[in-house]
Amino acid sequence: MKALGISIEANKVIFSALENDSNQTIKESATETRKLELKDHLDSSGVRELLGEIHAFLGAEAFDKVGIITRGTKGRFAASPISFKIEGLIQVYPGIQIEFVAPATLRAFLKKNQNPITAKFSYQKDACDLAFYLLNQ
């Protein structure tokens, strides 16, 4: 099984892919794409380019589970509107059900189950933890 954890921060999409092998050993999946960025959310060609990059990545890797960490929609710590635009680009990918996981759910899971994988880059930590969660559901 192959799982992809996605964390969206401002105008960046951060990916971390993990997989179980036949012995149920979890390892980091060898993917080239780790982070994509929407440079100008008002430039429709840039939005289409990001859409193409996301869909090409999802199509090439054949993930069994894909999840996105939810972000706040209201209040002082609400996420940027651009991040929700990016989320929509991911959601329209056909053939894969995108699961949304609240940060509190992820924290509760990680209190009971330590992630044995350390993300290759520190900015991938949340996405890596989400991929680990998806593999263990």
C-alpha atoms as a PDB file:
ATOM      1  CA  MET A   1       0.000   0.000   0.000  1.00  0.00           C
ATOM      2  CA  LYS A   2       1.199   3.486  -0.861  1.00  0.00           C
ATOM      3  CA  ALA A   3      -0.019   6.609   0.967  1.00  0.00           C
ATOM      4  CA  LEU A   4       0.529  10.278   0.284  1.00  0.00           C
ATOM      5  CA  GLY A   5       0.334  12.897   3.009  1.00  0.00           C
ATOM      6  CA  ILE A   6      -0.241  16.473   1.892  1.00  0.00           C
ATOM      7  CA  SER A   7       0.284  19.597   3.918  1.00  0.00           C
ATOM      8  CA  ILE A   8      -0.722  22.938   2.416  1.00  0.00           C
ATOM      9  CA  GLU A   9       0.999  25.994   3.818  1.00  0.00           C
ATOM     10  CA  ALA A  10       0.222  29.394   2.283  1.00  0.00           C
ATOM     11  CA  ASN A  11       0.978  28.897  -1.425  1.00  0.00           C
ATOM     12  CA  LYS A  12       2.999  25.668  -1.085  1.00  0.00           C
ATOM     13  CA  VAL A  13       1.906  22.040  -1.386  1.00  0.00           C
ATOM     14  CA  ILE A  14       4.147  19.709   0.589  1.00  0.00           C
ATOM     15  CA  PHE A  15       4.128  15.975  -0.166  1.00  0.00           C
ATOM     16  CA  SER A  16       5.410  12.954   1.711  1.00  0.00           C
ATOM     17  CA  ALA A  17       4.879   9.432   0.411  1.00  0.00           C
ATOM     18  CA  LEU A  18       5.245   6.253   2.467  1.00  0.00           C
ATOM     19  CA  GLU A  19       4.586   2.648   1.576  1.00  0.00           C
ATOM     20  CA  ASN A  20       4.247  -0.764   3.186  1.00  0.00           C
ATOM     21  CA  ASP A  21       6.246  -3.535   1.586  1.00  0.00           C
ATOM     22  CA  SER A  22       5.214  -7.207   1.574  1.00  0.00           C
ATOM     23  CA  ASN A  23       6.582  -7.633   5.138  1.00  0.00           C
ATOM     24  CA  GLN A  24       4.488  -4.670   6.364  1.00  0.00           C
ATOM     25  CA  THR A  25       7.651  -2.623   6.822  1.00  0.00           C
ATOM     26  CA  ILE A  26       7.037   1.075   6.313  1.00  0.00           C
ATOM     27  CA  LYS A  27       9.529   2.965   4.203  1.00  0.00           C
ATOM     28  CA  GLU A  28       9.716   6.273   2.415  1.00  0.00           C
ATOM     29  CA  SER A  29       8.544   6.013  -1.173  1.00  0.00           C
ATOM     30  CA  ALA A  30      11.043   7.254  -3.731  1.00  0.00           C
ATOM     31  CA  THR A  31       9.283  10.232  -5.288  1.00  0.00           C
ATOM     32  CA  GLU A  32      10.986  13.151  -6.937  1.00  0.00           C
ATOM     33  CA  THR A  33       8.254  15.673  -6.127  1.00  0.00           C
ATOM     34  CA  ARG A  34       8.366  16.949  -2.547  1.00  0.00           C
ATOM     35  CA  LYS A  35       7.000  20.455  -2.824  1.00  0.00           C
ATOM     36  CA  LEU A  36       5.112  22.537  -5.383  1.00  0.00           C
ATOM     37  CA  GLU A  37       4.348  26.243  -5.247  1.00  0.00           C
ATOM     38  CA  LEU A  38       1.663  28.488  -6.709  1.00  0.00           C
ATOM     39  CA  LYS A  39       3.671  31.594  -7.507  1.00  0.00           C
ATOM     40  CA  ASP A  40       0.820  33.944  -8.478  1.00  0.00           C
ATOM     41  CA  HIS A  41      -2.725  32.880  -7.645  1.00  0.00           C
ATOM     42  CA  LEU A  42      -4.159  35.603  -9.917  1.00  0.00           C
ATOM     43  CA  ASP A  43      -2.349  34.312 -13.015  1.00  0.00           C
ATOM     44  CA  SER A  44      -4.592  31.663 -14.556  1.00  0.00           C
ATOM     45  CA  SER A  45      -1.736  30.114 -16.536  1.00  0.00           C
ATOM     46  CA  GLY A  46       0.178  29.601 -13.278  1.00  0.00           C
ATOM     47  CA  VAL A  47      -2.873  27.971 -11.677  1.00  0.00           C
ATOM     48  CA  ARG A  48      -3.278  25.668 -14.704  1.00  0.00           C
ATOM     49  CA  GLU A  49       0.425  24.825 -14.555  1.00  0.00           C
ATOM     50  CA  LEU A  50       0.144  23.852 -10.878  1.00  0.00           C
ATOM     51  CA  LEU A  51      -2.971  21.792 -11.658  1.00  0.00           C
ATOM     52  CA  GLY A  52      -1.040  19.927 -14.352  1.00  0.00           C
ATOM     53  CA  GLU A  53       1.926  19.300 -12.045  1.00  0.00           C
ATOM     54  CA  ILE A  54      -0.286  17.992  -9.230  1.00  0.00           C
ATOM     55  CA  HIS A  55      -2.308  15.731 -11.510  1.00  0.00           C
ATOM     56  CA  ALA A  56       0.801  14.419 -13.295  1.00  0.00           C
ATOM     57  CA  PHE A  57       2.364  13.577  -9.928  1.00  0.00           C
ATOM     58  CA  LEU A  58      -0.765  11.835  -8.612  1.00  0.00           C
ATOM     59  CA  GLY A  59      -1.179   9.915 -11.874  1.00  0.00           C
ATOM     60  CA  ALA A  60       2.432   8.769 -12.081  1.00  0.00           C
ATOM     61  CA  GLU A  61       2.704   7.496  -8.522  1.00  0.00           C
ATOM     62  CA  ALA A  62      -0.560   5.479  -8.214  1.00  0.00           C
ATOM     63  CA  PHE A  63      -1.274   6.102  -4.533  1.00  0.00           C
ATOM     64  CA  ASP A  64      -3.772   3.932  -2.659  1.00  0.00           C
ATOM     65  CA  LYS A  65      -4.580   6.644  -0.112  1.00  0.00           C
ATOM     66  CA  VAL A  66      -4.200  10.403  -0.276  1.00  0.00           C
ATOM     67  CA  GLY A  67      -4.848  12.737   2.630  1.00  0.00           C
ATOM     68  CA  ILE A  68      -4.713  16.449   3.333  1.00  0.00           C
ATOM     69  CA  ILE A  69      -4.284  18.025   6.754  1.00  0.00           C
ATOM     70  CA  THR A  70      -7.253  20.326   7.336  1.00  0.00           C
ATOM     71  CA  ARG A  71      -6.720  23.975   8.068  1.00  0.00           C
ATOM     72  CA  GLY A  72      -8.806  26.472  10.008  1.00  0.00           C
ATOM     73  CA  THR A  73     -11.476  28.336   8.068  1.00  0.00           C
ATOM     74  CA  LYS A  74     -12.423  30.951  10.644  1.00  0.00           C
ATOM     75  CA  GLY A  75     -10.864  33.095  13.285  1.00  0.00           C
ATOM     76  CA  ARG A  76      -7.446  34.374  14.060  1.00  0.00           C
ATOM     77  CA  PHE A  77      -5.582  31.289  12.826  1.00  0.00           C
ATOM     78  CA  ALA A  78      -7.549  30.783   9.618  1.00  0.00           C
ATOM     79  CA  ALA A  79      -5.580  29.531   6.649  1.00  0.00           C
ATOM     80  CA  SER A  80      -4.975  31.701   3.618  1.00  0.00           C
ATOM     81  CA  PRO A  81      -7.614  31.662   0.875  1.00  0.00           C
ATOM     82  CA  ILE A  82      -4.898  30.635  -1.584  1.00  0.00           C
ATOM     83  CA  SER A  83      -4.401  27.378   0.310  1.00  0.00           C
ATOM     84  CA  PHE A  84      -8.068  26.521  -0.257  1.00  0.00           C
ATOM     85  CA  LYS A  85      -7.667  27.226  -3.973  1.00  0.00           C
ATOM     86  CA  ILE A  86      -4.764  24.756  -4.010  1.00  0.00           C
ATOM     87  CA  GLU A  87      -6.845  22.236  -2.050  1.00  0.00           C
ATOM     88  CA  GLY A  88      -9.539  22.450  -4.739  1.00  0.00           C
ATOM     89  CA  LEU A  89      -6.975  21.704  -7.451  1.00  0.00           C
ATOM     90  CA  ILE A  90      -6.000  18.528  -5.614  1.00  0.00           C
ATOM     91  CA  GLN A  91      -9.605  17.488  -4.938  1.00  0.00           C
ATOM     92  CA  VAL A  92     -10.624  17.533  -8.600  1.00  0.00           C
ATOM     93  CA  TYR A  93      -8.155  14.773  -9.473  1.00  0.00           C
ATOM     94  CA  PRO A  94     -10.315  11.886 -10.726  1.00  0.00           C
ATOM     95  CA  GLY A  95     -10.097   8.365  -9.386  1.00  0.00           C
ATOM     96  CA  ILE A  96      -8.690   8.999  -5.908  1.00  0.00           C
ATOM     97  CA  GLN A  97     -10.752   9.739  -2.847  1.00  0.00           C
ATOM     98  CA  ILE A  98      -9.021  12.497  -0.895  1.00  0.00           C
ATOM     99  CA  GLU A  99      -9.291  12.106   2.878  1.00  0.00           C
ATOM    100  CA  PHE A 100      -9.167  15.095   5.214  1.00  0.00           C
ATOM    101  CA  VAL A 101      -7.595  14.673   8.639  1.00  0.00           C
ATOM    102  CA  ALA A 102      -7.824  17.247  11.412  1.00  0.00           C
ATOM    103  CA  PRO A 103      -4.571  18.162  13.169  1.00  0.00           C
ATOM    104  CA  ALA A 104      -6.077  17.105  16.526  1.00  0.00           C
ATOM    105  CA  THR A 105      -6.870  13.638  15.140  1.00  0.00           C
ATOM    106  CA  LEU A 106      -3.328  13.318  13.850  1.00  0.00           C
ATOM    107  CA  ARG A 107      -1.805  14.421  17.175  1.00  0.00           C
ATOM    108  CA  ALA A 108      -3.956  11.922  19.111  1.00  0.00           C
ATOM    109  CA  PHE A 109      -2.897   9.111  16.775  1.00  0.00           C
ATOM    110  CA  LEU A 110       0.785  10.018  17.062  1.00  0.00           C
ATOM    111  CA  LYS A 111       0.612   9.998  20.872  1.00  0.00           C
ATOM    112  CA  LYS A 112      -0.237   6.291  20.690  1.00  0.00           C
ATOM    113  CA  ASN A 113       1.755   5.362  17.573  1.00  0.00           C
ATOM    114  CA  GLN A 114       5.229   6.730  17.025  1.00  0.00           C
ATOM    115  CA  ASN A 115       6.153   7.339  13.396  1.00  0.00           C
ATOM    116  CA  PRO A 116       9.312   5.274  12.687  1.00  0.00           C
ATOM    117  CA  ILE A 117      10.103   7.350   9.594  1.00  0.00           C
ATOM    118  CA  THR A 118      11.871  10.684   9.830  1.00  0.00           C
ATOM    119  CA  ALA A 119      10.967  12.983   6.977  1.00  0.00           C
ATOM    120  CA  LYS A 120      13.807  13.628   4.563  1.00  0.00           C
ATOM    121  CA  PHE A 121      13.341  17.390   4.997  1.00  0.00           C
ATOM    122  CA  SER A 122      12.023  19.119   8.109  1.00  0.00           C
ATOM    123  CA  TYR A 123       9.274  20.916   6.166  1.00  0.00           C
ATOM    124  CA  GLN A 124       7.813  17.481   5.298  1.00  0.00           C
ATOM    125  CA  LYS A 125       7.265  16.385   8.911  1.00  0.00           C
ATOM    126  CA  ASP A 126       3.499  17.013   9.052  1.00  0.00           C
ATOM    127  CA  ALA A 127       2.918  15.426   5.635  1.00  0.00           C
ATOM    128  CA  CYS A 128       5.045  12.419   6.644  1.00  0.00           C
ATOM    129  CA  ASP A 129       3.068  11.973   9.866  1.00  0.00           C
ATOM    130  CA  LEU A 130      -0.156  12.110   7.857  1.00  0.00           C
ATOM    131  CA  ALA A 131       1.093   9.459   5.412  1.00  0.00           C
ATOM    132  CA  PHE A 132       1.986   7.245   8.393  1.00  0.00           C
ATOM    133  CA  TYR A 133      -1.520   7.771   9.784  1.00  0.00           C
ATOM    134  CA  LEU A 134      -3.085   6.837   6.432  1.00  0.00           C
ATOM    135  CA  LEU A 135      -1.069   3.602   6.242  1.00  0.00           C
ATOM    136  CA  ASN A 136      -2.262   2.568   9.708  1.00  0.00           C
ATOM    137  CA  GLN A 137      -5.986   3.157   9.345  1.00  0.00           C
END
